[in-house]
């Protein structure tokens, strides 16, 4: 695709080997980087996106998947940015397939959290009848990133958060020894505490959460 070729050319032209090493070290060398800071990456993406606007709009799902399967993390980040914008309010029922593939491919907190909040969350707002099925499947998976997404997908729902569902997910995973699950529980509860501090406080006090989850959950409750 012309868009992907042009984007890749510009990104590689702006690579920085020294910065790439630092960026890889930051996420425990899980991925390779080109060494492009976020603002510069977004500028390059925006320029090429505008240049190939029609192509991107017509093929954003396949473009996203192709970018997400490239080696360097900047391509994955561009893929998520494209999908989050282009798919908004234009979901089709089958999009849960690509959402799940993205969550379990090249997975780390930086990609999973964005996908969970802005893409999975949006999908389930458009198709609320799929919430029970999708979240149950993700929550029961042996994949920690699907578990994390099931806990975090309501982060953009704010006061419309289904607190009973959030509590159920926290209860279900409260014994997990996995750092990313304990952290997700605390983060999701802390975020919702902006709208229901008493409810979150009561839940934390009555639930035997792991210390990390508990600390994170009540951090902003006075």
N, C-alpha and C. Protein backbone atom coordinates (compact mmCIF):
# COMPACT_ATOMS: atom_id res chain seq x y z
N UNK A 1 0.83 -1.20 0.00
CA UNK A 1 0.00 0.00 0.00
C UNK A 1 0.87 1.25 0.00
N UNK A 2 0.47 2.24 -0.77
CA UNK A 2 1.25 3.47 -0.89
C UNK A 2 1.42 4.16 0.45
N UNK A 3 0.32 4.22 1.22
CA UNK A 3 0.39 4.89 2.52
C UNK A 3 1.44 4.24 3.42
N UNK A 4 1.40 2.93 3.53
CA UNK A 4 2.35 2.23 4.41
C UNK A 4 3.78 2.42 3.93
N UNK A 5 3.99 2.36 2.63
CA UNK A 5 5.34 2.55 2.09
C UNK A 5 5.87 3.95 2.41
N UNK A 6 5.03 4.95 2.20
CA UNK A 6 5.46 6.33 2.47
C UNK A 6 5.68 6.56 3.96
N UNK A 7 4.78 6.02 4.78
CA UNK A 7 4.93 6.17 6.22
C UNK A 7 6.21 5.50 6.71
N UNK A 8 6.47 4.30 6.23
CA UNK A 8 7.67 3.59 6.67
C UNK A 8 8.94 4.32 6.24
N UNK A 9 8.94 4.85 5.04
CA UNK A 9 10.10 5.61 4.54
C UNK A 9 10.38 6.80 5.45
N UNK A 10 9.34 7.56 5.79
CA UNK A 10 9.52 8.74 6.63
C UNK A 10 9.93 8.39 8.06
N UNK A 11 9.34 7.34 8.60
CA UNK A 11 9.71 6.94 9.96
C UNK A 11 11.16 6.49 10.02
N UNK A 12 11.57 5.68 9.07
CA UNK A 12 12.96 5.19 9.08
C UNK A 12 13.95 6.33 8.84
N UNK A 13 13.53 7.32 8.05
CA UNK A 13 14.38 8.47 7.78
C UNK A 13 14.63 9.28 9.06
N UNK A 14 13.69 9.21 10.00
CA UNK A 14 13.79 9.98 11.24
C UNK A 14 14.23 9.14 12.43
N UNK A 15 14.74 7.95 12.17
CA UNK A 15 15.16 7.06 13.26
C UNK A 15 16.37 7.61 13.99
N UNK A 16 16.50 7.21 15.25
CA UNK A 16 17.60 7.66 16.10
C UNK A 16 18.07 6.45 16.91
N UNK A 17 19.22 5.90 16.54
CA UNK A 17 19.70 4.67 17.16
C UNK A 17 19.90 4.79 18.66
N UNK A 18 20.46 5.90 19.12
CA UNK A 18 20.72 6.08 20.55
C UNK A 18 19.41 6.13 21.34
N UNK A 19 18.45 6.86 20.81
CA UNK A 19 17.16 6.96 21.47
C UNK A 19 16.41 5.63 21.41
N UNK A 20 16.60 4.90 20.32
CA UNK A 20 15.94 3.60 20.17
C UNK A 20 16.34 2.65 21.28
N UNK A 21 17.60 2.67 21.66
CA UNK A 21 18.09 1.81 22.73
C UNK A 21 17.44 2.18 24.06
N UNK A 22 17.36 3.46 24.34
CA UNK A 22 16.74 3.94 25.59
C UNK A 22 15.26 3.55 25.64
N UNK A 23 14.57 3.69 24.51
CA UNK A 23 13.15 3.39 24.47
C UNK A 23 12.90 1.90 24.66
N UNK A 24 13.75 1.08 24.07
CA UNK A 24 13.63 -0.37 24.23
C UNK A 24 13.92 -0.78 25.68
N UNK A 25 14.91 -0.15 26.28
CA UNK A 25 15.23 -0.46 27.68
C UNK A 25 14.07 -0.13 28.60
N UNK A 26 13.35 0.93 28.28
CA UNK A 26 12.24 1.38 29.13
C UNK A 26 11.15 0.32 29.24
N UNK A 27 10.93 -0.43 28.16
CA UNK A 27 9.92 -1.49 28.22
C UNK A 27 10.59 -2.87 28.23
N UNK A 28 11.72 -2.93 28.91
CA UNK A 28 12.41 -4.19 29.19
C UNK A 28 12.78 -4.96 27.92
N UNK A 29 13.08 -4.21 26.86
CA UNK A 29 13.53 -4.78 25.59
C UNK A 29 12.54 -5.80 25.00
N UNK A 30 11.26 -5.56 25.22
CA UNK A 30 10.23 -6.42 24.64
C UNK A 30 10.12 -6.20 23.13
N UNK A 31 10.45 -4.98 22.68
CA UNK A 31 10.33 -4.64 21.26
C UNK A 31 11.50 -3.78 20.82
N UNK A 32 11.71 -3.79 19.51
CA UNK A 32 12.69 -2.88 18.92
C UNK A 32 12.01 -1.55 18.62
N UNK A 33 12.80 -0.49 18.61
CA UNK A 33 12.30 0.84 18.31
C UNK A 33 13.12 1.48 17.20
N UNK A 34 12.51 2.43 16.52
CA UNK A 34 13.25 3.26 15.58
C UNK A 34 13.91 4.43 16.31
N UNK A 35 13.37 4.76 17.46
CA UNK A 35 13.91 5.87 18.25
C UNK A 35 13.29 7.20 17.86
N UNK A 36 11.97 7.21 17.71
CA UNK A 36 11.25 8.43 17.35
C UNK A 36 10.33 8.80 18.49
N UNK A 37 10.49 10.01 19.02
CA UNK A 37 9.65 10.45 20.13
C UNK A 37 8.21 10.64 19.68
N UNK A 38 7.30 10.56 20.64
CA UNK A 38 5.87 10.52 20.33
C UNK A 38 5.39 11.68 19.47
N UNK A 39 5.79 12.90 19.82
CA UNK A 39 5.31 14.07 19.06
C UNK A 39 5.77 14.03 17.62
N UNK A 40 7.02 13.65 17.42
CA UNK A 40 7.56 13.55 16.06
C UNK A 40 6.87 12.44 15.28
N UNK A 41 6.65 11.30 15.95
CA UNK A 41 5.97 10.17 15.31
C UNK A 41 4.57 10.57 14.87
N UNK A 42 3.85 11.27 15.75
CA UNK A 42 2.47 11.67 15.43
C UNK A 42 2.45 12.68 14.27
N UNK A 43 3.44 13.55 14.23
CA UNK A 43 3.52 14.52 13.13
C UNK A 43 3.75 13.82 11.80
N UNK A 44 4.66 12.87 11.79
CA UNK A 44 4.94 12.10 10.57
C UNK A 44 3.69 11.34 10.14
N UNK A 45 3.04 10.70 11.11
CA UNK A 45 1.82 9.95 10.80
C UNK A 45 0.74 10.87 10.25
N UNK A 46 0.53 12.00 10.89
CA UNK A 46 -0.52 12.93 10.47
C UNK A 46 -0.29 13.41 9.04
N UNK A 47 0.96 13.74 8.72
CA UNK A 47 1.29 14.24 7.38
C UNK A 47 0.98 13.19 6.32
N UNK A 48 1.40 11.96 6.57
CA UNK A 48 1.18 10.89 5.59
C UNK A 48 -0.28 10.45 5.55
N UNK A 49 -0.92 10.50 6.68
CA UNK A 49 -2.35 10.17 6.78
C UNK A 49 -3.16 11.13 5.92
N UNK A 50 -2.87 12.42 6.06
CA UNK A 50 -3.57 13.44 5.27
C UNK A 50 -3.30 13.25 3.78
N UNK A 51 -2.08 12.89 3.44
CA UNK A 51 -1.68 12.70 2.05
C UNK A 51 -2.44 11.54 1.42
N UNK A 52 -2.71 10.51 2.22
CA UNK A 52 -3.36 9.30 1.70
C UNK A 52 -4.71 9.07 2.41
N UNK A 53 -5.41 10.15 2.66
CA UNK A 53 -6.63 10.09 3.48
C UNK A 53 -7.65 9.09 2.94
N UNK A 54 -7.89 9.12 1.66
CA UNK A 54 -8.91 8.23 1.07
C UNK A 54 -8.49 6.77 1.19
N UNK A 55 -7.22 6.49 0.94
CA UNK A 55 -6.72 5.11 1.05
C UNK A 55 -6.86 4.59 2.48
N UNK A 56 -6.51 5.43 3.44
CA UNK A 56 -6.58 5.02 4.85
C UNK A 56 -8.02 4.78 5.26
N UNK A 57 -8.92 5.68 4.91
CA UNK A 57 -10.32 5.54 5.29
C UNK A 57 -10.94 4.28 4.70
N UNK A 58 -10.51 3.92 3.51
CA UNK A 58 -11.09 2.75 2.83
C UNK A 58 -10.50 1.43 3.31
N UNK A 59 -9.30 1.48 3.89
CA UNK A 59 -8.59 0.23 4.21
C UNK A 59 -8.00 0.23 5.62
N UNK A 60 -8.57 1.00 6.54
CA UNK A 60 -7.90 1.20 7.83
C UNK A 60 -7.72 -0.09 8.62
N UNK A 61 -8.61 -1.04 8.51
CA UNK A 61 -8.45 -2.29 9.26
C UNK A 61 -7.25 -3.09 8.77
N UNK A 62 -7.12 -3.26 7.46
CA UNK A 62 -5.99 -4.02 6.91
C UNK A 62 -4.69 -3.25 7.09
N UNK A 63 -4.74 -1.92 6.99
CA UNK A 63 -3.54 -1.11 7.22
C UNK A 63 -3.07 -1.27 8.65
N UNK A 64 -4.00 -1.20 9.58
CA UNK A 64 -3.67 -1.35 10.99
C UNK A 64 -2.99 -2.69 11.24
N UNK A 65 -3.56 -3.75 10.73
CA UNK A 65 -3.01 -5.09 10.98
C UNK A 65 -1.62 -5.24 10.35
N UNK A 66 -1.43 -4.71 9.15
CA UNK A 66 -0.11 -4.80 8.51
C UNK A 66 0.94 -4.02 9.31
N UNK A 67 0.59 -2.84 9.76
CA UNK A 67 1.53 -2.05 10.56
C UNK A 67 1.83 -2.75 11.89
N UNK A 68 0.82 -3.38 12.47
CA UNK A 68 0.99 -4.00 13.77
C UNK A 68 1.89 -5.23 13.71
N UNK A 69 2.09 -5.76 12.54
CA UNK A 69 2.95 -6.94 12.40
C UNK A 69 4.37 -6.60 11.96
N UNK A 70 4.67 -5.31 11.88
CA UNK A 70 6.05 -4.90 11.61
C UNK A 70 6.86 -4.99 12.90
N UNK A 71 8.16 -4.91 12.77
CA UNK A 71 9.06 -5.19 13.90
C UNK A 71 9.08 -4.08 14.95
N UNK A 72 9.23 -2.84 14.51
CA UNK A 72 9.47 -1.75 15.46
C UNK A 72 8.18 -1.24 16.09
N UNK A 73 8.30 -0.80 17.34
CA UNK A 73 7.13 -0.41 18.12
C UNK A 73 6.42 0.81 17.55
N UNK A 74 7.14 1.71 16.91
CA UNK A 74 6.50 2.90 16.36
C UNK A 74 5.40 2.54 15.35
N UNK A 75 5.60 1.46 14.60
CA UNK A 75 4.57 1.02 13.66
C UNK A 75 3.32 0.56 14.39
N UNK A 76 3.51 -0.14 15.51
CA UNK A 76 2.36 -0.60 16.30
C UNK A 76 1.59 0.60 16.84
N UNK A 77 2.34 1.61 17.30
CA UNK A 77 1.71 2.80 17.85
C UNK A 77 0.92 3.55 16.79
N UNK A 78 1.47 3.63 15.59
CA UNK A 78 0.76 4.28 14.48
C UNK A 78 -0.52 3.49 14.14
N UNK A 79 -0.42 2.17 14.16
CA UNK A 79 -1.57 1.33 13.85
C UNK A 79 -2.71 1.59 14.82
N UNK A 80 -2.39 1.67 16.09
CA UNK A 80 -3.41 1.91 17.11
C UNK A 80 -4.03 3.29 16.94
N UNK A 81 -3.20 4.29 16.67
CA UNK A 81 -3.71 5.65 16.47
C UNK A 81 -4.69 5.70 15.29
N UNK A 82 -4.33 5.03 14.21
CA UNK A 82 -5.19 5.01 13.02
C UNK A 82 -6.51 4.33 13.33
N UNK A 83 -6.44 3.15 13.91
CA UNK A 83 -7.66 2.39 14.17
C UNK A 83 -8.58 3.12 15.14
N UNK A 84 -8.01 3.68 16.21
CA UNK A 84 -8.83 4.36 17.21
C UNK A 84 -9.61 5.52 16.61
N UNK A 85 -9.01 6.22 15.67
CA UNK A 85 -9.69 7.37 15.05
C UNK A 85 -10.66 6.93 13.97
N UNK A 86 -10.21 6.05 13.09
CA UNK A 86 -11.03 5.70 11.93
C UNK A 86 -12.23 4.82 12.28
N UNK A 87 -12.10 4.01 13.31
CA UNK A 87 -13.16 3.06 13.64
C UNK A 87 -14.23 3.68 14.54
N UNK A 88 -13.95 4.83 15.10
CA UNK A 88 -14.87 5.46 16.05
C UNK A 88 -16.26 5.64 15.45
N UNK A 89 -17.26 5.06 16.13
CA UNK A 89 -18.66 5.12 15.71
C UNK A 89 -18.89 4.45 14.35
N UNK A 90 -17.91 3.68 13.87
CA UNK A 90 -18.06 2.97 12.61
C UNK A 90 -17.76 1.48 12.78
N UNK A 91 -17.91 1.00 14.00
CA UNK A 91 -17.65 -0.42 14.26
C UNK A 91 -18.64 -1.29 13.49
N UNK A 92 -18.17 -2.47 13.12
CA UNK A 92 -19.05 -3.52 12.66
C UNK A 92 -18.93 -4.66 13.66
N UNK A 93 -19.91 -5.51 13.72
CA UNK A 93 -19.95 -6.55 14.74
C UNK A 93 -18.69 -7.42 14.73
N UNK A 94 -18.17 -7.66 13.55
CA UNK A 94 -17.01 -8.55 13.41
C UNK A 94 -15.71 -7.91 13.88
N UNK A 95 -15.72 -6.64 14.25
CA UNK A 95 -14.49 -5.97 14.67
C UNK A 95 -13.90 -6.55 15.95
N UNK A 96 -14.69 -7.29 16.70
CA UNK A 96 -14.14 -7.90 17.91
C UNK A 96 -13.01 -8.86 17.57
N UNK A 97 -13.02 -9.39 16.34
CA UNK A 97 -11.96 -10.32 15.92
C UNK A 97 -10.62 -9.59 15.85
N UNK A 98 -10.58 -8.44 15.17
CA UNK A 98 -9.31 -7.72 15.06
C UNK A 98 -8.92 -7.11 16.40
N UNK A 99 -9.90 -6.70 17.20
CA UNK A 99 -9.58 -6.15 18.52
C UNK A 99 -8.88 -7.20 19.37
N UNK A 100 -9.41 -8.40 19.38
CA UNK A 100 -8.78 -9.47 20.17
C UNK A 100 -7.40 -9.82 19.62
N UNK A 101 -7.26 -9.85 18.31
CA UNK A 101 -5.95 -10.14 17.72
C UNK A 101 -4.92 -9.10 18.11
N UNK A 102 -5.33 -7.84 18.13
CA UNK A 102 -4.41 -6.77 18.52
C UNK A 102 -4.02 -6.88 20.00
N UNK A 103 -4.97 -7.27 20.83
CA UNK A 103 -4.69 -7.40 22.27
C UNK A 103 -3.68 -8.51 22.57
N UNK A 104 -3.66 -9.56 21.76
CA UNK A 104 -2.78 -10.70 22.05
C UNK A 104 -1.55 -10.74 21.15
N UNK A 105 -1.39 -9.74 20.28
CA UNK A 105 -0.24 -9.68 19.38
C UNK A 105 0.67 -8.54 19.80
N UNK A 106 1.97 -8.81 19.88
CA UNK A 106 2.94 -7.79 20.30
C UNK A 106 2.44 -7.07 21.55
N UNK A 107 2.01 -7.85 22.53
CA UNK A 107 1.32 -7.30 23.70
C UNK A 107 2.27 -6.76 24.75
N UNK A 108 1.93 -5.58 25.24
CA UNK A 108 2.56 -4.99 26.43
C UNK A 108 1.59 -3.94 26.92
N UNK A 109 1.82 -3.43 28.13
CA UNK A 109 0.84 -2.53 28.72
C UNK A 109 0.55 -1.31 27.86
N UNK A 110 1.55 -0.80 27.15
CA UNK A 110 1.36 0.44 26.39
C UNK A 110 0.36 0.27 25.25
N UNK A 111 0.37 -0.89 24.60
CA UNK A 111 -0.60 -1.14 23.53
C UNK A 111 -1.93 -1.62 24.09
N UNK A 112 -1.90 -2.55 25.02
CA UNK A 112 -3.12 -3.15 25.55
C UNK A 112 -4.01 -2.10 26.21
N UNK A 113 -3.43 -1.20 26.98
CA UNK A 113 -4.23 -0.20 27.70
C UNK A 113 -4.96 0.74 26.74
N UNK A 114 -4.28 1.15 25.69
CA UNK A 114 -4.90 2.05 24.71
C UNK A 114 -6.00 1.33 23.94
N UNK A 115 -5.73 0.10 23.53
CA UNK A 115 -6.73 -0.68 22.80
C UNK A 115 -7.94 -0.94 23.69
N UNK A 116 -7.69 -1.31 24.95
CA UNK A 116 -8.80 -1.62 25.87
C UNK A 116 -9.69 -0.40 26.08
N UNK A 117 -9.08 0.73 26.34
CA UNK A 117 -9.85 1.94 26.68
C UNK A 117 -10.54 2.55 25.47
N UNK A 118 -9.82 2.72 24.38
CA UNK A 118 -10.34 3.51 23.27
C UNK A 118 -10.96 2.69 22.14
N UNK A 119 -10.60 1.41 22.04
CA UNK A 119 -11.11 0.61 20.93
C UNK A 119 -12.09 -0.46 21.42
N UNK A 120 -11.66 -1.30 22.35
CA UNK A 120 -12.58 -2.28 22.93
C UNK A 120 -13.73 -1.56 23.64
N UNK A 121 -13.41 -0.54 24.41
CA UNK A 121 -14.44 0.21 25.12
C UNK A 121 -15.46 0.82 24.17
N UNK A 122 -14.99 1.36 23.06
CA UNK A 122 -15.89 1.95 22.07
C UNK A 122 -16.76 0.90 21.40
N UNK A 123 -16.15 -0.23 21.10
CA UNK A 123 -16.90 -1.33 20.47
C UNK A 123 -18.06 -1.77 21.36
N UNK A 124 -17.78 -1.94 22.65
CA UNK A 124 -18.80 -2.43 23.57
C UNK A 124 -19.83 -1.35 23.93
N UNK A 125 -19.50 -0.10 23.70
CA UNK A 125 -20.51 0.95 23.83
C UNK A 125 -21.48 0.89 22.65
N UNK A 126 -20.96 0.59 21.47
CA UNK A 126 -21.81 0.49 20.29
C UNK A 126 -22.63 -0.80 20.30
N UNK A 127 -22.04 -1.87 20.88
CA UNK A 127 -22.72 -3.16 20.94
C UNK A 127 -22.81 -3.63 22.39
N UNK A 128 -23.59 -2.95 23.22
CA UNK A 128 -23.68 -3.33 24.64
C UNK A 128 -24.18 -4.75 24.85
N UNK A 129 -24.90 -5.27 23.89
CA UNK A 129 -25.41 -6.64 24.02
C UNK A 129 -24.28 -7.68 23.96
N UNK A 130 -23.08 -7.25 23.54
CA UNK A 130 -21.94 -8.16 23.46
C UNK A 130 -21.07 -8.12 24.71
N UNK A 131 -21.37 -7.22 25.64
CA UNK A 131 -20.50 -7.04 26.81
C UNK A 131 -20.36 -8.34 27.60
N UNK A 132 -21.45 -8.95 27.94
CA UNK A 132 -21.38 -10.16 28.77
C UNK A 132 -20.55 -11.25 28.10
N UNK A 133 -20.82 -11.50 26.84
CA UNK A 133 -20.10 -12.55 26.11
C UNK A 133 -18.61 -12.26 25.99
N UNK A 134 -18.27 -11.05 25.56
CA UNK A 134 -16.87 -10.69 25.32
C UNK A 134 -16.08 -10.63 26.62
N UNK A 135 -16.61 -9.95 27.61
CA UNK A 135 -15.87 -9.78 28.86
C UNK A 135 -15.73 -11.11 29.60
N UNK A 136 -16.75 -11.94 29.54
CA UNK A 136 -16.65 -13.27 30.16
C UNK A 136 -15.53 -14.09 29.49
N UNK A 137 -15.48 -14.04 28.17
CA UNK A 137 -14.45 -14.80 27.45
C UNK A 137 -13.06 -14.25 27.73
N UNK A 138 -12.91 -12.94 27.70
CA UNK A 138 -11.61 -12.33 27.97
C UNK A 138 -11.19 -12.60 29.41
N UNK A 139 -12.13 -12.47 30.32
CA UNK A 139 -11.84 -12.63 31.74
C UNK A 139 -11.45 -14.07 32.09
N UNK A 140 -12.01 -15.03 31.37
CA UNK A 140 -11.71 -16.44 31.63
C UNK A 140 -10.49 -16.95 30.89
N UNK A 141 -9.92 -16.11 30.02
CA UNK A 141 -8.78 -16.52 29.22
C UNK A 141 -7.53 -16.71 30.09
N UNK A 142 -6.62 -17.53 29.62
CA UNK A 142 -5.33 -17.69 30.29
C UNK A 142 -4.35 -16.60 29.87
N UNK A 143 -4.79 -15.74 28.95
CA UNK A 143 -3.94 -14.63 28.49
C UNK A 143 -4.12 -13.43 29.42
N UNK A 144 -3.04 -13.01 30.07
CA UNK A 144 -3.14 -11.93 31.06
C UNK A 144 -3.58 -10.61 30.43
N UNK A 145 -3.28 -10.42 29.16
CA UNK A 145 -3.62 -9.15 28.52
C UNK A 145 -5.11 -9.07 28.22
N UNK A 146 -5.72 -10.19 27.90
CA UNK A 146 -7.18 -10.20 27.75
C UNK A 146 -7.85 -9.99 29.11
N UNK A 147 -7.28 -10.58 30.16
CA UNK A 147 -7.79 -10.34 31.52
C UNK A 147 -7.71 -8.86 31.85
N UNK A 148 -6.58 -8.25 31.56
CA UNK A 148 -6.38 -6.83 31.87
C UNK A 148 -7.37 -5.96 31.09
N UNK A 149 -7.57 -6.30 29.82
CA UNK A 149 -8.52 -5.54 28.99
C UNK A 149 -9.93 -5.64 29.55
N UNK A 150 -10.31 -6.81 30.08
CA UNK A 150 -11.64 -6.99 30.65
C UNK A 150 -11.85 -6.10 31.87
N UNK A 151 -10.79 -5.82 32.59
CA UNK A 151 -10.86 -4.96 33.78
C UNK A 151 -10.88 -3.49 33.38
N UNK A 152 -10.14 -3.13 32.33
CA UNK A 152 -9.92 -1.73 32.00
C UNK A 152 -10.83 -1.15 30.94
N UNK A 153 -11.62 -1.95 30.26
CA UNK A 153 -12.33 -1.45 29.07
C UNK A 153 -13.29 -0.31 29.36
N UNK A 154 -13.70 -0.14 30.62
CA UNK A 154 -14.66 0.93 30.95
C UNK A 154 -13.97 2.25 31.33
N UNK A 155 -12.68 2.36 31.18
CA UNK A 155 -11.98 3.57 31.60
C UNK A 155 -12.52 4.84 30.96
N UNK A 156 -13.03 4.74 29.73
CA UNK A 156 -13.57 5.94 29.07
C UNK A 156 -15.05 6.16 29.37
N UNK A 157 -15.66 5.28 30.16
CA UNK A 157 -17.10 5.37 30.42
C UNK A 157 -17.43 6.39 31.51
N UNK A 158 -16.45 6.73 32.34
CA UNK A 158 -16.61 7.73 33.39
C UNK A 158 -17.80 7.40 34.30
N UNK A 159 -18.73 8.36 34.46
CA UNK A 159 -19.85 8.13 35.38
C UNK A 159 -20.83 7.07 34.88
N UNK A 160 -20.70 6.67 33.61
CA UNK A 160 -21.57 5.63 33.06
C UNK A 160 -21.01 4.22 33.28
N UNK A 161 -19.90 4.13 34.00
CA UNK A 161 -19.31 2.83 34.29
C UNK A 161 -20.31 1.91 34.99
N UNK A 162 -20.35 0.67 34.55
CA UNK A 162 -21.14 -0.36 35.22
C UNK A 162 -20.32 -0.84 36.41
N UNK A 163 -20.60 -0.26 37.59
CA UNK A 163 -19.78 -0.53 38.77
C UNK A 163 -19.93 -1.99 39.20
N UNK A 164 -21.10 -2.56 39.05
CA UNK A 164 -21.28 -3.97 39.41
C UNK A 164 -20.39 -4.87 38.57
N UNK A 165 -20.29 -4.56 37.29
CA UNK A 165 -19.43 -5.35 36.41
C UNK A 165 -17.96 -5.15 36.78
N UNK A 166 -17.58 -3.91 37.06
CA UNK A 166 -16.20 -3.64 37.46
C UNK A 166 -15.86 -4.38 38.75
N UNK A 167 -16.76 -4.32 39.73
CA UNK A 167 -16.52 -5.03 40.99
C UNK A 167 -16.40 -6.53 40.76
N UNK A 168 -17.22 -7.06 39.88
CA UNK A 168 -17.18 -8.50 39.59
C UNK A 168 -15.84 -8.90 38.99
N UNK A 169 -15.31 -8.07 38.11
CA UNK A 169 -14.00 -8.36 37.51
C UNK A 169 -12.88 -8.27 38.56
N UNK A 170 -12.98 -7.28 39.42
CA UNK A 170 -11.98 -7.13 40.47
C UNK A 170 -12.03 -8.32 41.43
N UNK A 171 -13.22 -8.73 41.81
CA UNK A 171 -13.38 -9.89 42.68
C UNK A 171 -12.79 -11.14 42.02
N UNK A 172 -13.06 -11.29 40.76
CA UNK A 172 -12.64 -12.49 40.04
C UNK A 172 -11.13 -12.63 39.99
N UNK A 173 -10.44 -11.51 39.88
CA UNK A 173 -8.98 -11.55 39.69
C UNK A 173 -8.20 -11.05 40.91
N UNK A 174 -8.87 -10.86 42.04
CA UNK A 174 -8.21 -10.25 43.19
C UNK A 174 -7.08 -11.10 43.76
N UNK A 175 -7.09 -12.41 43.53
CA UNK A 175 -6.04 -13.28 44.04
C UNK A 175 -4.86 -13.42 43.08
N UNK A 176 -4.95 -12.79 41.93
CA UNK A 176 -3.89 -12.93 40.93
C UNK A 176 -2.56 -12.42 41.47
N UNK A 177 -1.51 -13.16 41.16
CA UNK A 177 -0.16 -12.76 41.54
C UNK A 177 0.50 -11.95 40.43
N UNK A 178 -0.21 -11.77 39.35
CA UNK A 178 0.31 -11.06 38.18
C UNK A 178 0.29 -9.55 38.42
N UNK A 179 1.45 -8.93 38.33
CA UNK A 179 1.58 -7.49 38.56
C UNK A 179 0.60 -6.68 37.71
N UNK A 180 0.51 -7.00 36.42
CA UNK A 180 -0.30 -6.20 35.51
C UNK A 180 -1.79 -6.34 35.80
N UNK A 181 -2.20 -7.42 36.44
CA UNK A 181 -3.60 -7.58 36.82
C UNK A 181 -3.87 -6.81 38.12
N UNK A 182 -2.99 -6.93 39.09
CA UNK A 182 -3.14 -6.18 40.33
C UNK A 182 -3.17 -4.67 40.05
N UNK A 183 -2.30 -4.24 39.18
CA UNK A 183 -2.22 -2.82 38.83
C UNK A 183 -3.50 -2.37 38.11
N UNK A 184 -4.01 -3.22 37.22
CA UNK A 184 -5.22 -2.87 36.48
C UNK A 184 -6.41 -2.72 37.41
N UNK A 185 -6.54 -3.60 38.39
CA UNK A 185 -7.63 -3.51 39.36
C UNK A 185 -7.58 -2.17 40.09
N UNK A 186 -6.40 -1.83 40.58
CA UNK A 186 -6.25 -0.57 41.29
C UNK A 186 -6.52 0.64 40.42
N UNK A 187 -6.04 0.60 39.19
CA UNK A 187 -6.21 1.72 38.27
C UNK A 187 -7.69 1.91 37.92
N UNK A 188 -8.37 0.81 37.59
CA UNK A 188 -9.78 0.92 37.22
C UNK A 188 -10.62 1.47 38.37
N UNK A 189 -10.35 1.00 39.58
CA UNK A 189 -11.10 1.49 40.75
C UNK A 189 -10.75 2.95 41.04
N UNK A 190 -9.48 3.29 40.95
CA UNK A 190 -9.06 4.68 41.19
C UNK A 190 -9.71 5.62 40.19
N UNK A 191 -9.76 5.21 38.93
CA UNK A 191 -10.37 6.05 37.91
C UNK A 191 -11.85 6.27 38.20
N UNK A 192 -12.55 5.21 38.58
CA UNK A 192 -13.97 5.34 38.86
C UNK A 192 -14.23 6.09 40.17
N UNK A 193 -13.26 6.12 41.06
CA UNK A 193 -13.44 6.82 42.34
C UNK A 193 -13.66 8.31 42.14
N UNK A 194 -13.34 8.84 40.98
CA UNK A 194 -13.61 10.25 40.70
C UNK A 194 -15.11 10.52 40.68
N UNK A 195 -15.89 9.50 40.36
CA UNK A 195 -17.33 9.65 40.23
C UNK A 195 -18.10 9.01 41.38
N UNK A 196 -17.47 8.05 42.06
CA UNK A 196 -18.15 7.35 43.15
C UNK A 196 -17.14 6.98 44.23
N UNK A 197 -16.57 7.98 44.91
CA UNK A 197 -15.53 7.69 45.90
C UNK A 197 -16.03 6.83 47.07
N UNK A 198 -17.25 7.06 47.50
CA UNK A 198 -17.78 6.28 48.62
C UNK A 198 -17.96 4.82 48.21
N UNK A 199 -18.50 4.60 47.02
CA UNK A 199 -18.70 3.24 46.54
C UNK A 199 -17.39 2.49 46.42
N UNK A 200 -16.38 3.14 45.85
CA UNK A 200 -15.07 2.50 45.70
C UNK A 200 -14.45 2.24 47.06
N UNK A 201 -14.53 3.21 47.95
CA UNK A 201 -13.96 3.05 49.29
C UNK A 201 -14.62 1.89 50.02
N UNK A 202 -15.93 1.79 49.95
CA UNK A 202 -16.64 0.70 50.61
C UNK A 202 -16.25 -0.65 50.01
N UNK A 203 -16.11 -0.69 48.69
CA UNK A 203 -15.72 -1.95 48.03
C UNK A 203 -14.33 -2.37 48.47
N UNK A 204 -13.39 -1.43 48.47
CA UNK A 204 -12.01 -1.75 48.86
C UNK A 204 -11.96 -2.23 50.30
N UNK A 205 -12.70 -1.56 51.16
CA UNK A 205 -12.68 -1.93 52.59
C UNK A 205 -13.31 -3.29 52.86
N UNK A 206 -14.19 -3.72 51.98
CA UNK A 206 -14.89 -4.99 52.21
C UNK A 206 -14.36 -6.13 51.35
N UNK A 207 -13.31 -5.85 50.59
CA UNK A 207 -12.77 -6.85 49.66
C UNK A 207 -11.29 -7.06 49.96
N UNK A 208 -10.88 -8.27 50.00
CA UNK A 208 -9.49 -8.60 50.32
C UNK A 208 -8.61 -8.49 49.08
N UNK A 209 -8.39 -7.24 48.66
CA UNK A 209 -7.55 -7.00 47.49
C UNK A 209 -6.07 -7.14 47.85
N UNK A 210 -5.26 -7.40 46.83
CA UNK A 210 -3.82 -7.41 47.03
C UNK A 210 -3.38 -5.99 47.42
N UNK A 211 -2.31 -5.86 48.20
CA UNK A 211 -1.87 -4.53 48.65
C UNK A 211 -1.67 -3.53 47.51
N UNK A 212 -1.09 -3.97 46.39
CA UNK A 212 -0.87 -3.05 45.28
C UNK A 212 -2.20 -2.54 44.74
N UNK A 213 -3.16 -3.42 44.55
CA UNK A 213 -4.48 -3.02 44.06
C UNK A 213 -5.15 -2.05 45.03
N UNK A 214 -5.04 -2.35 46.29
CA UNK A 214 -5.67 -1.50 47.32
C UNK A 214 -5.06 -0.11 47.34
N UNK A 215 -3.73 -0.04 47.32
CA UNK A 215 -3.06 1.26 47.34
C UNK A 215 -3.45 2.11 46.14
N UNK A 216 -3.44 1.48 44.98
CA UNK A 216 -3.77 2.21 43.76
C UNK A 216 -5.23 2.68 43.76
N UNK A 217 -6.11 1.84 44.27
CA UNK A 217 -7.55 2.13 44.22
C UNK A 217 -7.91 3.36 45.04
N UNK A 218 -7.30 3.51 46.21
CA UNK A 218 -7.72 4.58 47.14
C UNK A 218 -6.77 5.78 47.13
N UNK A 219 -5.85 5.79 46.20
CA UNK A 219 -4.82 6.84 46.21
C UNK A 219 -5.42 8.24 46.17
N UNK A 220 -6.50 8.42 45.42
CA UNK A 220 -7.07 9.78 45.27
C UNK A 220 -8.32 10.01 46.12
N UNK A 221 -8.62 9.07 46.99
CA UNK A 221 -9.79 9.24 47.85
C UNK A 221 -9.36 9.91 49.15
N UNK A 222 -9.96 11.04 49.47
CA UNK A 222 -9.58 11.79 50.66
C UNK A 222 -10.38 11.29 51.86
